[in-house]
Amino acid sequence: MGRFDQSRSGRAYAERIIRAMSLDEKVGQLFILFAYGQTVAGDDARNTAVYGEPNASRIIGRYCPGGFILFSARDNIANPCQVAELSNGLQASALGAGAKIPLLVSIDQEHGLVNRIGPPATQFPPNMALGAGRSTDDARTAAAISGAELAAMGIHQNYAPVADVNVNPDNPVTGVRSFSSDPEVVSEMAAATVKGYQTDARLIATAKHFPGHGDTATDSHTGLPLITHSIQDWERIDAPPFRAAISAGVASIMTAHIVVPSLDSSGEPATLAKRIVTGQLRDRLGFDGVIVTDGLEMAGVRGRHGDAEVVVRALEAGVDQLLLPPAPREAYDAVTAALAVGRLSEQRIDESVKRILIMKYNQGVVRHPQVDVARVEGRVGTDSHLRIAGEISDKTPTLLRNLGHPLPLTVEGKRVFVTSYGTATGQALADQLNQRGATATAMSTDTAPTADQQGEALATAKNHDVTVVLTSNVTAGSPQQHFVTELLATGAMVIVASVGNPYDIAQLPRAPTLIAIYSASLVSIRSLARVITGEIAPTGRLPVDIATAADPDRALYPFGYGLTW
């Protein structure tokens, strides 16, 4: 096992603290809560609606949770210094409540689609882009830098890496969050990421979503996905990345709200299935770290049972941490009631609390619960970090077609029209091209361009030397597909860049120039501009198969494909 679960002093600390804790305090350690607002004392009516308390400090005082998760969508994040101040405030509240145990402050900072803290924190390409770059050193470095910046802000646990193998192009929830459709690539990159976070940055990594969310066409946020893999398929495809993460010493693993009949025939989501959580993850894979649920507010885990029953069943299955219960008071009461009637034993609770406390001790939050806000600016978004992020990103663009070799393109003095599904993304590329001597303008045609938008864009393209189209998740018969087809029919020079899941390239087979960049983040857009202008040669290789639109069993661009010059 890894460094995070080998501390003798951590075990001694946990055993000593547990002996002094009340049962209610132990129950509190199992929960990871959230609050609205950028400070611990700022009142928000939305907090009162959820918790019966107006602010984070009061929530912590009442519930004594083991952890707190931060969200940009819940107004927790303004800038790195504010995040550090909020983290310190959360810790001060925890140290003044109940058993006076520091919190684990956690976040989802995967980069790409799931990215809670934006600039000035260093931004990296998403996992699939790193998979295209194929460098485990880069994956580790990205995690080390991101982890160090999170730690500087008072965050202790990142719910990353995604260890799902994205074998289903129609997967609505994984996509570019996955490193690849190849289990070996995902395994190598996930293990490297764990080492970057934990060994290099001393931040807790969390591999997710066990037993593997990569082959589904249903989003577990809105429904309950069914994974039809046989046990042999699971061992070959889904299990290897989690085995690799465990071998790398991952401290925490997150469960998925998915049904996998080959692993458990009950029909329960994996989060609530003892045969999966205990039978497979604990016993078969030998994981002895902390198991955390995916968000319990998600539809995938709420369809069969009430919210209070879900938390008890999750503990019975073998999980340790209960993330984001939608009805916190009812959830706490349900665990207490299950203990009172003997459905759950205090020994079972102690097992989870001990693992949580050991992880807290080994991460360092017990000894140093607060951070120095004055040092945050010197540690987050530094010139060195930004330079390295750019270098990593430059290895990820994947050139799939360059018919007639229009790339690399001399843009100096040329009129370039950038049309994009989003205003900010298109303008970012136009700005980058203008910095390189072009006269570039941008227009948003949205993800479903109207006839008027298409007509305006087609007319504008005729007055430019080259048009760059940024696409996102193009589907068959969609307005985006129709627009690109019409644009190509004008005879204009057109460069198509897939910004997101690369599978939409299958819907654009006639485009003479195709590039996949996997991300709309500025660091990826900058790399795209550098490829277009020839500052760098494209070296990325497809981390997935792209099948033809007509036949999903025939590859249009196979795994590992990528052109250069």
Protein backbone atom coordinates (compact mmCIF):
# COMPACT_ATOMS: atom_id res chain seq x y z
CA MET A 1 0.00 0.00 0.00
CA GLY A 2 1.01 3.62 -0.39
CA ARG A 3 2.47 6.20 1.91
CA PHE A 4 -0.94 7.47 3.05
CA ASP A 5 -1.85 4.21 4.79
CA GLN A 6 1.45 3.10 6.33
CA SER A 7 1.74 5.51 9.24
CA ARG A 8 2.05 3.86 12.64
CA SER A 9 1.66 7.24 14.32
CA GLY A 10 -1.49 7.83 12.26
CA ARG A 11 -3.02 4.64 13.60
CA ALA A 12 -2.06 5.57 17.15
CA TYR A 13 -3.62 9.01 16.71
CA ALA A 14 -6.85 7.54 15.33
CA GLU A 15 -7.18 4.98 18.11
CA ARG A 16 -6.61 7.64 20.78
CA ILE A 17 -9.14 10.06 19.31
CA ILE A 18 -11.80 7.39 18.76
CA ARG A 19 -11.67 6.37 22.42
CA ALA A 20 -12.58 9.93 23.43
CA MET A 21 -15.33 10.50 20.85
CA SER A 22 -19.04 10.31 21.47
CA LEU A 23 -21.15 8.23 19.10
CA ASP A 24 -22.66 11.38 17.57
CA GLU A 25 -19.18 12.74 16.90
CA LYS A 26 -18.21 9.51 15.20
CA VAL A 27 -21.29 9.65 13.00
CA GLY A 28 -20.40 13.22 12.04
CA GLN A 29 -17.00 12.14 10.74
CA LEU A 30 -18.71 10.03 8.08
CA PHE A 31 -20.32 13.01 6.36
CA ILE A 32 -18.97 15.46 3.80
CA LEU A 33 -21.18 18.54 3.57
CA PHE A 34 -21.20 21.83 1.68
CA ALA A 35 -22.40 25.36 2.26
CA TYR A 36 -23.30 28.32 0.10
CA GLY A 37 -21.10 31.39 0.36
CA GLN A 38 -17.50 32.61 0.22
CA THR A 39 -17.04 33.02 3.98
CA VAL A 40 -17.94 30.88 6.96
CA ALA A 41 -19.99 33.62 8.61
CA GLY A 42 -21.92 34.85 5.57
CA ASP A 43 -25.61 34.01 5.93
CA ASP A 44 -27.45 32.52 2.97
CA ALA A 45 -31.10 31.48 2.92
CA ARG A 46 -30.16 28.46 0.81
CA ASN A 47 -28.13 27.10 3.73
CA THR A 48 -31.09 27.48 6.04
CA ALA A 49 -33.28 25.59 3.57
CA VAL A 50 -30.88 22.63 3.52
CA TYR A 51 -29.49 22.55 7.05
CA GLY A 52 -31.66 24.73 9.24
CA GLU A 53 -28.57 26.89 9.80
CA PRO A 54 -27.65 30.09 7.92
CA ASN A 55 -23.90 29.74 7.38
CA ALA A 56 -20.99 27.33 7.24
CA SER A 57 -19.80 28.02 10.77
CA ARG A 58 -23.21 27.24 12.23
CA ILE A 59 -23.55 24.14 10.03
CA ILE A 60 -20.24 22.79 11.30
CA GLY A 61 -21.18 23.56 14.89
CA ARG A 62 -24.45 21.66 14.56
CA TYR A 63 -23.40 18.69 12.43
CA CYS A 64 -19.66 18.26 13.23
CA PRO A 65 -18.93 16.78 9.78
CA GLY A 66 -15.71 15.07 8.85
CA GLY A 67 -15.31 17.03 5.65
CA PHE A 68 -16.46 19.94 3.52
CA ILE A 69 -16.50 20.11 -0.28
CA LEU A 70 -16.10 23.36 -2.22
CA PHE A 71 -18.03 24.27 -5.37
CA SER A 72 -17.87 27.24 -7.71
CA ALA A 73 -21.59 26.75 -8.41
CA ARG A 74 -22.33 27.22 -4.72
CA ASP A 75 -20.50 30.53 -4.52
CA ASN A 76 -17.50 29.14 -2.64
CA ILE A 77 -14.81 30.30 -5.04
CA ALA A 78 -13.77 33.81 -6.04
CA ASN A 79 -9.97 33.63 -6.12
CA PRO A 80 -7.18 31.58 -4.53
CA CYS A 81 -6.68 33.85 -1.51
CA GLN A 82 -10.39 33.84 -0.76
CA VAL A 83 -10.46 30.04 -1.00
CA ALA A 84 -7.59 29.86 1.50
CA GLU A 85 -9.42 32.21 3.87
CA LEU A 86 -12.59 30.14 3.54
CA SER A 87 -10.66 26.93 4.22
CA ASN A 88 -9.08 28.48 7.30
CA GLY A 89 -12.48 29.63 8.50
CA LEU A 90 -13.93 26.16 8.05
CA GLN A 91 -11.07 24.69 10.08
CA ALA A 92 -11.46 27.27 12.85
CA SER A 93 -15.13 26.33 13.10
CA ALA A 94 -14.34 22.61 13.19
CA LEU A 95 -11.65 23.01 15.84
CA GLY A 96 -14.18 24.79 18.03
CA ALA A 97 -16.92 22.19 17.67
CA GLY A 98 -17.53 18.67 18.96
CA ALA A 99 -14.42 16.51 19.05
CA LYS A 100 -12.35 19.42 17.68
CA ILE A 101 -11.06 17.38 14.74
CA PRO A 102 -9.89 19.22 11.59
CA LEU A 103 -11.93 18.87 8.44
CA LEU A 104 -10.90 17.35 5.16
CA VAL A 105 -11.59 20.12 2.65
CA SER A 106 -12.18 18.55 -0.74
CA ILE A 107 -12.89 19.57 -4.32
CA ASP A 108 -13.40 18.25 -7.86
CA GLN A 109 -10.48 19.75 -9.79
CA GLU A 110 -10.09 17.32 -12.68
CA HIS A 111 -9.33 20.07 -15.23
CA GLY A 112 -11.29 20.37 -18.42
CA LEU A 113 -15.04 19.90 -17.98
CA VAL A 114 -14.92 19.46 -14.21
CA ASN A 115 -12.81 22.31 -12.92
CA ARG A 116 -13.93 24.30 -9.89
CA ILE A 117 -11.06 26.78 -9.58
CA GLY A 118 -10.19 28.74 -12.70
CA PRO A 119 -7.42 31.25 -13.38
CA PRO A 120 -5.23 32.56 -11.87
CA ALA A 121 -4.78 28.97 -10.66
CA THR A 122 -2.85 26.93 -13.22
CA GLN A 123 -5.11 25.24 -15.77
CA PHE A 124 -4.20 21.96 -17.42
CA PRO A 125 -5.79 20.07 -20.32
CA PRO A 126 -8.30 17.36 -19.37
CA ASN A 127 -7.40 13.72 -18.94
CA MET A 128 -8.18 12.71 -22.52
CA ALA A 129 -5.78 15.36 -23.79
CA LEU A 130 -3.11 13.99 -21.46
CA GLY A 131 -3.95 10.55 -22.84
CA ALA A 132 -3.29 11.91 -26.33
CA GLY A 133 0.08 13.19 -25.12
CA ARG A 134 0.86 9.70 -23.76
CA SER A 135 3.35 10.98 -21.19
CA THR A 136 3.04 9.59 -17.68
CA ASP A 137 5.68 12.12 -16.63
CA ASP A 138 3.40 14.92 -17.81
CA ALA A 139 0.40 13.40 -16.03
CA ARG A 140 2.38 13.21 -12.81
CA THR A 141 3.74 16.74 -13.21
CA ALA A 142 0.27 18.17 -13.87
CA ALA A 143 -1.05 16.49 -10.73
CA ALA A 144 1.94 17.61 -8.68
CA ILE A 145 1.49 21.25 -9.69
CA SER A 146 -2.27 21.23 -9.35
CA GLY A 147 -2.01 19.43 -6.02
CA ALA A 148 0.54 21.88 -4.66
CA GLU A 149 -1.69 24.81 -5.61
CA LEU A 150 -4.75 23.20 -4.03
CA ALA A 151 -2.78 22.49 -0.86
CA ALA A 152 -1.66 26.13 -0.73
CA MET A 153 -5.34 27.09 -0.72
CA GLY A 154 -6.11 24.80 2.22
CA ILE A 155 -7.59 21.94 0.22
CA HIS A 156 -6.59 18.42 1.26
CA GLN A 157 -8.41 16.04 -1.06
CA ASN A 158 -9.05 16.13 -4.79
CA TYR A 159 -11.66 13.82 -6.27
CA ALA A 160 -9.32 12.82 -9.07
CA PRO A 161 -8.13 11.01 -11.10
CA VAL A 162 -11.00 9.60 -13.13
CA ALA A 163 -10.03 5.96 -13.61
CA ASP A 164 -12.94 5.08 -15.89
CA VAL A 165 -12.11 3.56 -19.28
CA ASN A 166 -14.26 5.39 -21.82
CA VAL A 167 -15.14 2.57 -24.19
CA ASN A 168 -18.56 4.01 -25.06
CA PRO A 169 -18.47 7.04 -27.41
CA ASP A 170 -22.03 7.89 -26.32
CA ASN A 171 -21.06 8.14 -22.66
CA PRO A 172 -22.65 11.43 -21.53
CA VAL A 173 -20.80 11.79 -18.23
CA THR A 174 -17.23 10.57 -18.78
CA GLY A 175 -15.91 11.48 -22.24
CA VAL A 176 -12.80 13.67 -22.03
CA ARG A 177 -12.71 13.17 -18.26
CA SER A 178 -11.25 9.73 -19.07
CA PHE A 179 -7.66 9.29 -20.18
CA SER A 180 -8.50 6.78 -22.88
CA SER A 181 -10.53 3.85 -24.15
CA ASP A 182 -7.50 1.64 -23.55
CA PRO A 183 -7.22 0.09 -20.07
CA GLU A 184 -3.43 0.10 -20.17
CA VAL A 185 -3.22 3.82 -20.97
CA VAL A 186 -5.77 4.66 -18.27
CA SER A 187 -3.93 2.49 -15.75
CA GLU A 188 -0.56 4.08 -16.41
CA MET A 189 -1.89 7.64 -16.41
CA ALA A 190 -4.05 7.13 -13.33
CA ALA A 191 -1.13 5.68 -11.36
CA ALA A 192 1.11 8.56 -12.40
CA THR A 193 -1.55 11.07 -11.38
CA VAL A 194 -1.93 9.46 -7.96
CA LYS A 195 1.82 9.75 -7.42
CA GLY A 196 1.78 13.38 -8.50
CA TYR A 197 -0.93 14.30 -6.04
CA GLN A 198 0.13 12.20 -3.09
CA THR A 199 3.88 11.64 -3.26
CA ASP A 200 4.82 14.99 -4.78
CA ALA A 201 2.12 17.38 -3.52
CA ARG A 202 0.98 15.63 -0.31
CA LEU A 203 -2.63 15.91 -1.42
CA ILE A 204 -5.12 13.07 -1.11
CA ALA A 205 -6.04 11.56 -4.48
CA THR A 206 -9.34 9.79 -5.09
CA ALA A 207 -9.65 7.33 -7.97
CA LYS A 208 -13.17 7.24 -9.39
CA HIS A 209 -15.77 5.89 -10.21
CA PHE A 210 -15.54 2.29 -8.96
CA PRO A 211 -16.25 -0.27 -10.38
CA GLY A 212 -15.98 1.69 -13.66
CA HIS A 213 -18.32 4.21 -15.32
CA GLY A 214 -16.83 4.07 -18.81
CA ASP A 215 -19.37 2.00 -20.74
CA THR A 216 -22.72 3.69 -20.30
CA ALA A 217 -25.02 5.91 -22.29
CA THR A 218 -26.79 7.15 -19.14
CA ASP A 219 -25.62 9.94 -16.84
CA SER A 220 -25.76 8.85 -13.19
CA HIS A 221 -26.56 12.44 -12.24
CA THR A 222 -29.94 12.02 -13.91
CA GLY A 223 -30.53 8.26 -14.07
CA LEU A 224 -29.21 4.84 -13.07
CA PRO A 225 -26.77 3.47 -15.67
CA LEU A 226 -26.60 -0.24 -16.43
CA ILE A 227 -23.17 -1.71 -17.21
CA THR A 228 -23.53 -5.02 -19.07
CA HIS A 229 -19.89 -6.11 -18.89
CA SER A 230 -19.30 -9.74 -17.98
CA ILE A 231 -16.99 -10.45 -15.06
CA GLN A 232 -14.31 -11.22 -17.65
CA ASP A 233 -14.93 -7.88 -19.37
CA TRP A 234 -14.74 -6.10 -16.03
CA GLU A 235 -11.45 -7.76 -15.14
CA ARG A 236 -10.01 -6.88 -18.55
CA ILE A 237 -11.38 -3.35 -19.03
CA ASP A 238 -12.60 -1.70 -15.83
CA ALA A 239 -10.58 -3.19 -12.99
CA PRO A 240 -6.98 -2.56 -14.19
CA PRO A 241 -6.94 1.23 -13.60
CA PHE A 242 -8.20 0.78 -10.05
CA ARG A 243 -5.64 -1.94 -9.42
CA ALA A 244 -2.96 0.40 -10.73
CA ALA A 245 -4.17 3.27 -8.54
CA ILE A 246 -4.15 1.00 -5.50
CA SER A 247 -0.64 -0.19 -6.32
CA ALA A 248 0.39 3.47 -6.59
CA GLY A 249 -0.91 4.02 -3.04
CA VAL A 250 -4.15 5.88 -3.69
CA ALA A 251 -5.63 6.93 -0.35
CA SER A 252 -9.26 7.09 -1.43
CA ILE A 253 -11.60 5.58 -4.01
CA MET A 254 -15.03 6.91 -4.99
CA THR A 255 -17.92 4.60 -5.79
CA ALA A 256 -20.24 4.94 -8.78
CA HIS A 257 -24.02 4.99 -8.86
CA ILE A 258 -24.22 2.30 -11.54
CA VAL A 259 -25.68 -1.19 -11.75
CA VAL A 260 -23.29 -3.99 -12.73
CA PRO A 261 -25.22 -7.29 -12.72
CA SER A 262 -22.11 -9.41 -13.29
CA LEU A 263 -20.69 -8.13 -9.99
CA ASP A 264 -23.95 -7.91 -8.04
CA SER A 265 -27.33 -9.27 -9.13
CA SER A 266 -29.42 -7.26 -6.65
CA GLY A 267 -30.04 -4.34 -9.00
CA GLU A 268 -28.65 -1.93 -6.42
CA PRO A 269 -26.28 0.84 -7.51
CA ALA A 270 -22.68 -0.10 -6.77
CA THR A 271 -22.53 2.47 -3.95
CA LEU A 272 -25.11 0.40 -2.06
CA ALA A 273 -23.91 -3.07 -3.10
CA LYS A 274 -21.84 -4.91 -0.50
CA ARG A 275 -20.70 -7.47 -3.05
CA ILE A 276 -19.09 -4.64 -5.00
CA VAL A 277 -17.84 -2.27 -2.29
CA THR A 278 -16.64 -4.92 0.16
CA GLY A 279 -16.51 -8.04 -2.01
CA GLN A 280 -14.69 -6.56 -4.98
CA LEU A 281 -12.95 -3.37 -3.82
CA ARG A 282 -11.95 -4.42 -0.31
CA ASP A 283 -11.54 -8.18 -0.64
CA ARG A 284 -10.69 -8.85 -4.28
CA LEU A 285 -8.62 -5.74 -5.03
CA GLY A 286 -7.24 -5.46 -1.49
CA PHE A 287 -8.00 -1.77 -0.98
CA ASP A 288 -7.79 -0.74 2.67
CA GLY A 289 -8.03 3.04 2.28
CA VAL A 290 -11.04 5.34 2.50
CA ILE A 291 -14.07 4.67 0.29
CA VAL A 292 -16.23 7.70 -0.46
CA THR A 293 -19.57 7.73 -2.24
CA ASP A 294 -20.23 9.82 -5.28
CA GLY A 295 -22.67 12.62 -4.51
CA LEU A 296 -25.72 11.21 -2.76
CA GLU A 297 -27.87 13.95 -4.26
CA MET A 298 -27.50 12.29 -7.69
CA ALA A 299 -30.51 10.57 -9.24
CA GLY A 300 -28.57 7.36 -9.82
CA VAL A 301 -28.58 6.46 -6.12
CA ARG A 302 -31.99 7.85 -5.11
CA GLY A 303 -34.36 5.87 -7.32
CA ARG A 304 -34.88 2.75 -5.21
CA HIS A 305 -34.77 4.09 -1.65
CA GLY A 306 -35.46 7.22 0.33
CA ASP A 307 -32.58 9.56 1.08
CA ALA A 308 -32.33 8.44 4.72
CA GLU A 309 -32.25 4.76 3.79
CA VAL A 310 -29.54 5.34 1.19
CA VAL A 311 -26.92 6.43 3.74
CA VAL A 312 -27.51 3.39 5.93
CA ARG A 313 -27.30 1.02 2.98
CA ALA A 314 -24.09 2.70 1.82
CA LEU A 315 -22.51 2.10 5.22
CA GLU A 316 -23.77 -1.49 5.21
CA ALA A 317 -22.13 -1.93 1.81
CA GLY A 318 -18.80 -0.82 3.26
CA VAL A 319 -18.29 2.84 2.34
CA ASP A 320 -16.61 5.21 4.79
CA GLN A 321 -17.57 8.72 3.69
CA LEU A 322 -21.04 9.92 2.71
CA LEU A 323 -20.75 12.76 0.21
CA LEU A 324 -23.47 15.40 -0.10
CA PRO A 325 -26.55 13.76 1.41
CA PRO A 326 -29.52 15.78 0.09
CA ALA A 327 -31.30 15.74 3.46
CA PRO A 328 -28.48 16.00 6.04
CA ARG A 329 -30.55 15.99 9.22
CA GLU A 330 -32.53 12.95 8.09
CA ALA A 331 -29.30 11.25 7.05
CA TYR A 332 -27.67 11.77 10.45
CA ASP A 333 -30.82 10.60 12.22
CA ALA A 334 -31.02 7.51 10.01
CA VAL A 335 -27.48 6.42 10.92
CA THR A 336 -28.14 7.06 14.61
CA ALA A 337 -31.40 5.09 14.44
CA ALA A 338 -29.68 2.19 12.66
CA LEU A 339 -27.13 2.12 15.48
CA ALA A 340 -29.85 2.19 18.13
CA VAL A 341 -31.62 -0.89 16.74
CA GLY A 342 -28.44 -2.82 15.97
CA ARG A 343 -28.68 -2.61 12.20
CA LEU A 344 -25.29 -0.88 12.29
CA SER A 345 -22.78 -1.56 15.04
CA GLU A 346 -20.53 0.98 16.68
CA GLN A 347 -17.63 -1.27 15.71
CA ARG A 348 -18.61 -0.85 12.06
CA ILE A 349 -18.67 2.95 12.47
CA ASP A 350 -15.33 2.84 14.27
CA GLU A 351 -13.76 1.04 11.30
CA SER A 352 -14.68 3.88 8.96
CA VAL A 353 -13.83 6.65 11.42
CA LYS A 354 -10.42 5.09 12.02
CA ARG A 355 -9.65 5.04 8.29
CA ILE A 356 -10.78 8.66 7.95
CA LEU A 357 -8.71 9.84 10.93
CA ILE A 358 -5.62 7.99 9.71
CA MET A 359 -5.99 9.65 6.31
CA LYS A 360 -6.33 13.06 7.97
CA TYR A 361 -3.27 12.48 10.10
CA ASN A 362 -1.12 11.18 7.29
CA GLN A 363 -2.13 14.03 4.98
CA GLY A 364 -0.95 16.52 7.59
CA VAL A 365 -4.17 18.37 8.35
CA VAL A 366 -4.07 17.34 12.02
CA ARG A 367 -0.70 19.02 12.55
CA HIS A 368 -1.31 21.95 10.19
CA PRO A 369 -5.04 22.57 9.79
CA GLN A 370 -4.66 26.10 8.43
CA VAL A 371 -2.60 27.69 5.67
CA ASP A 372 -0.73 30.97 5.34
CA VAL A 373 -2.92 33.17 3.15
CA ALA A 374 -0.03 35.60 2.60
CA ARG A 375 1.88 32.88 0.74
CA VAL A 376 -0.91 31.83 -1.62
CA GLU A 377 -0.18 34.28 -4.44
CA GLY A 378 3.43 33.14 -4.56
CA ARG A 379 2.39 29.49 -4.90
CA VAL A 380 -0.63 29.54 -7.19
CA GLY A 381 -0.49 30.29 -10.91
CA THR A 382 3.22 31.02 -10.88
CA ASP A 383 5.11 31.76 -14.09
CA SER A 384 6.87 28.42 -13.79
CA HIS A 385 3.60 26.51 -13.36
CA LEU A 386 1.97 28.29 -16.30
CA ARG A 387 4.97 27.61 -18.52
CA ILE A 388 4.94 23.91 -17.68
CA ALA A 389 1.18 23.69 -18.26
CA GLY A 390 1.70 25.19 -21.70
CA GLU A 391 4.48 22.75 -22.51
CA ILE A 392 2.30 19.81 -21.46
CA SER A 393 -0.64 21.11 -23.47
CA ASP A 394 1.50 21.56 -26.58
CA LYS A 395 1.98 17.79 -26.77
CA THR A 396 -1.75 17.04 -26.91
CA PRO A 397 -3.34 18.42 -30.15
CA THR A 398 -4.02 15.55 -32.53
CA LEU A 399 -4.01 16.22 -36.27
CA LEU A 400 -6.29 13.71 -38.00
CA ARG A 401 -6.54 15.10 -41.53
CA ASN A 402 -4.52 17.64 -43.48
CA LEU A 403 -5.68 17.17 -47.07
CA GLY A 404 -3.57 19.27 -49.39
CA HIS A 405 -1.37 20.22 -46.43
CA PRO A 406 -2.83 23.64 -45.58
CA LEU A 407 -1.16 23.31 -42.21
CA PRO A 408 1.06 24.76 -41.01
CA LEU A 409 -0.47 28.06 -42.06
CA THR A 410 1.25 31.41 -42.35
CA VAL A 411 -1.36 33.69 -40.79
CA GLU A 412 0.53 36.98 -40.85
CA GLY A 413 -1.48 39.43 -42.91
CA LYS A 414 -4.29 36.94 -43.49
CA ARG A 415 -7.95 37.47 -42.67
CA VAL A 416 -9.04 34.62 -40.41
CA PHE A 417 -12.65 33.98 -39.43
CA VAL A 418 -13.21 31.92 -36.29
CA THR A 419 -16.67 30.50 -35.80
CA SER A 420 -17.38 28.69 -32.59
CA TYR A 421 -20.13 27.07 -30.55
CA GLY A 422 -19.32 29.57 -27.78
CA THR A 423 -18.36 33.23 -27.72
CA ALA A 424 -15.47 33.02 -25.26
CA THR A 425 -13.84 30.03 -26.96
CA GLY A 426 -13.90 31.55 -30.42
CA GLN A 427 -12.65 34.91 -29.21
CA ALA A 428 -9.81 33.23 -27.33
CA LEU A 429 -8.57 31.62 -30.54
CA ALA A 430 -9.00 34.86 -32.51
CA ASP A 431 -6.94 36.67 -29.88
CA GLN A 432 -4.19 34.06 -30.11
CA LEU A 433 -4.09 34.31 -33.91
CA ASN A 434 -4.07 38.11 -33.79
CA GLN A 435 -1.04 37.94 -31.51
CA ARG A 436 0.64 36.01 -34.32
CA GLY A 437 -0.03 38.61 -37.01
CA ALA A 438 -3.43 37.59 -38.35
CA THR A 439 -6.47 39.80 -38.68
CA ALA A 440 -8.88 37.46 -36.94
CA THR A 441 -12.50 37.95 -35.98
CA ALA A 442 -14.78 35.59 -34.08
CA MET A 443 -18.47 34.79 -34.22
CA SER A 444 -20.50 32.47 -32.03
CA THR A 445 -22.93 30.20 -33.85
CA ASP A 446 -23.89 28.32 -30.67
CA THR A 447 -24.17 24.54 -30.44
CA ALA A 448 -27.36 24.62 -32.54
CA PRO A 449 -26.86 27.45 -35.05
CA THR A 450 -30.06 28.92 -36.44
CA ALA A 451 -30.60 29.49 -40.14
CA ASP A 452 -29.89 33.19 -39.66
CA GLN A 453 -26.66 32.48 -37.77
CA GLN A 454 -25.54 30.02 -40.41
CA GLY A 455 -26.33 32.46 -43.20
CA GLU A 456 -24.39 35.27 -41.54
CA ALA A 457 -21.40 33.01 -40.87
CA LEU A 458 -21.37 31.67 -44.44
CA ALA A 459 -21.42 35.20 -45.83
CA THR A 460 -18.64 36.29 -43.49
CA ALA A 461 -16.46 33.31 -44.40
CA LYS A 462 -16.48 34.34 -48.07
CA ASN A 463 -14.69 37.56 -47.14
CA HIS A 464 -11.87 35.83 -45.29
CA ASP A 465 -8.81 33.88 -46.36
CA VAL A 466 -9.39 31.00 -43.96
CA THR A 467 -12.14 29.90 -41.59
CA VAL A 468 -11.53 27.96 -38.40
CA VAL A 469 -14.58 26.13 -37.04
CA LEU A 470 -14.58 25.07 -33.40
CA THR A 471 -17.08 22.24 -32.89
CA SER A 472 -18.43 20.62 -29.74
CA ASN A 473 -20.26 17.29 -29.59
CA VAL A 474 -21.62 17.33 -33.14
CA THR A 475 -24.32 14.72 -33.70
CA ALA A 476 -25.84 13.28 -36.86
CA GLY A 477 -28.32 15.63 -38.49
CA SER A 478 -27.55 18.43 -36.04
CA PRO A 479 -27.43 22.13 -36.98
CA GLN A 480 -23.68 22.10 -36.26
CA GLN A 481 -23.15 19.30 -38.77
CA HIS A 482 -25.32 21.05 -41.37
CA PHE A 483 -23.44 24.31 -40.90
CA VAL A 484 -20.01 22.72 -41.41
CA THR A 485 -21.29 20.87 -44.48
CA GLU A 486 -22.61 24.11 -45.98
CA LEU A 487 -19.37 25.91 -45.15
CA LEU A 488 -17.30 23.26 -46.90
CA ALA A 489 -19.55 23.52 -49.96
CA THR A 490 -18.53 27.17 -50.45
CA GLY A 491 -15.00 26.09 -51.34
CA ALA A 492 -13.50 28.23 -48.59
CA MET A 493 -10.37 27.10 -46.80
CA VAL A 494 -11.75 25.50 -43.65
CA ILE A 495 -9.96 24.10 -40.61
CA VAL A 496 -12.17 22.13 -38.21
CA ALA A 497 -11.08 21.73 -34.60
CA SER A 498 -13.01 19.43 -32.27
CA VAL A 499 -13.11 21.15 -28.89
CA GLY A 500 -14.33 18.47 -26.47
CA ASN A 501 -15.17 14.84 -27.13
CA PRO A 502 -13.32 13.89 -30.33
CA TYR A 503 -16.07 11.51 -31.39
CA ASP A 504 -17.92 14.31 -33.18
CA ILE A 505 -15.24 14.08 -35.88
CA ALA A 506 -17.12 11.03 -37.18
CA GLN A 507 -19.92 13.39 -38.20
CA LEU A 508 -17.54 15.58 -40.23
CA PRO A 509 -15.67 13.11 -42.48
CA ARG A 510 -15.46 15.49 -45.47
CA ALA A 511 -13.59 18.23 -43.65
CA PRO A 512 -10.16 18.47 -45.29
CA THR A 513 -8.40 19.56 -42.11
CA LEU A 514 -9.32 18.06 -38.74
CA ILE A 515 -7.71 18.59 -35.35
CA ALA A 516 -8.80 17.28 -31.94
CA ILE A 517 -7.81 19.33 -28.89
CA TYR A 518 -10.21 17.80 -26.29
CA SER A 519 -10.72 21.05 -24.37
CA ALA A 520 -11.90 24.65 -24.60
CA SER A 521 -9.56 25.86 -21.88
CA LEU A 522 -7.24 28.72 -22.77
CA VAL A 523 -4.14 26.55 -22.46
CA SER A 524 -5.57 24.16 -25.09
CA ILE A 525 -6.71 27.00 -27.37
CA ARG A 526 -3.21 28.46 -27.23
CA SER A 527 -1.76 25.10 -28.26
CA LEU A 528 -4.23 24.93 -31.15
CA ALA A 529 -3.07 28.35 -32.37
CA ARG A 530 0.53 27.21 -32.15
CA VAL A 531 -0.22 24.13 -34.27
CA ILE A 532 -2.19 26.10 -36.86
CA THR A 533 0.65 28.60 -37.29
CA GLY A 534 3.42 26.00 -37.23
CA GLU A 535 5.06 27.16 -34.00
CA ILE A 536 4.85 23.54 -32.91
CA ALA A 537 4.21 20.31 -34.78
CA PRO A 538 1.22 18.23 -33.66
CA THR A 539 2.37 15.15 -31.76
CA GLY A 540 -0.81 13.94 -30.03
CA ARG A 541 -2.15 10.48 -30.80
CA LEU A 542 -5.78 9.48 -30.49
CA PRO A 543 -6.42 7.93 -27.06
CA VAL A 544 -9.71 6.46 -28.35
CA ASP A 545 -11.08 4.89 -31.51
CA ILE A 546 -13.26 7.12 -33.67
CA ALA A 547 -15.67 4.92 -35.57
CA THR A 548 -17.44 5.80 -38.78
CA ALA A 549 -20.88 7.31 -38.32
CA ALA A 550 -22.47 4.51 -40.34
CA ASP A 551 -20.70 1.55 -38.73
CA PRO A 552 -19.59 1.68 -35.07
CA ASP A 553 -17.42 -1.39 -35.62
CA ARG A 554 -15.32 0.22 -38.36
CA ALA A 555 -12.66 2.73 -37.37
CA LEU A 556 -12.53 6.03 -39.20
CA TYR A 557 -9.49 7.03 -37.16
CA PRO A 558 -8.10 4.23 -34.97
CA PHE A 559 -6.62 4.42 -31.51
CA GLY A 560 -3.07 5.74 -31.74
CA TYR A 561 -3.62 7.65 -34.99
CA GLY A 562 -2.15 11.11 -35.42
CA LEU A 563 -0.42 13.07 -38.18
CA THR A 564 2.47 15.48 -37.93
CA TRP A 565 4.92 17.27 -40.20
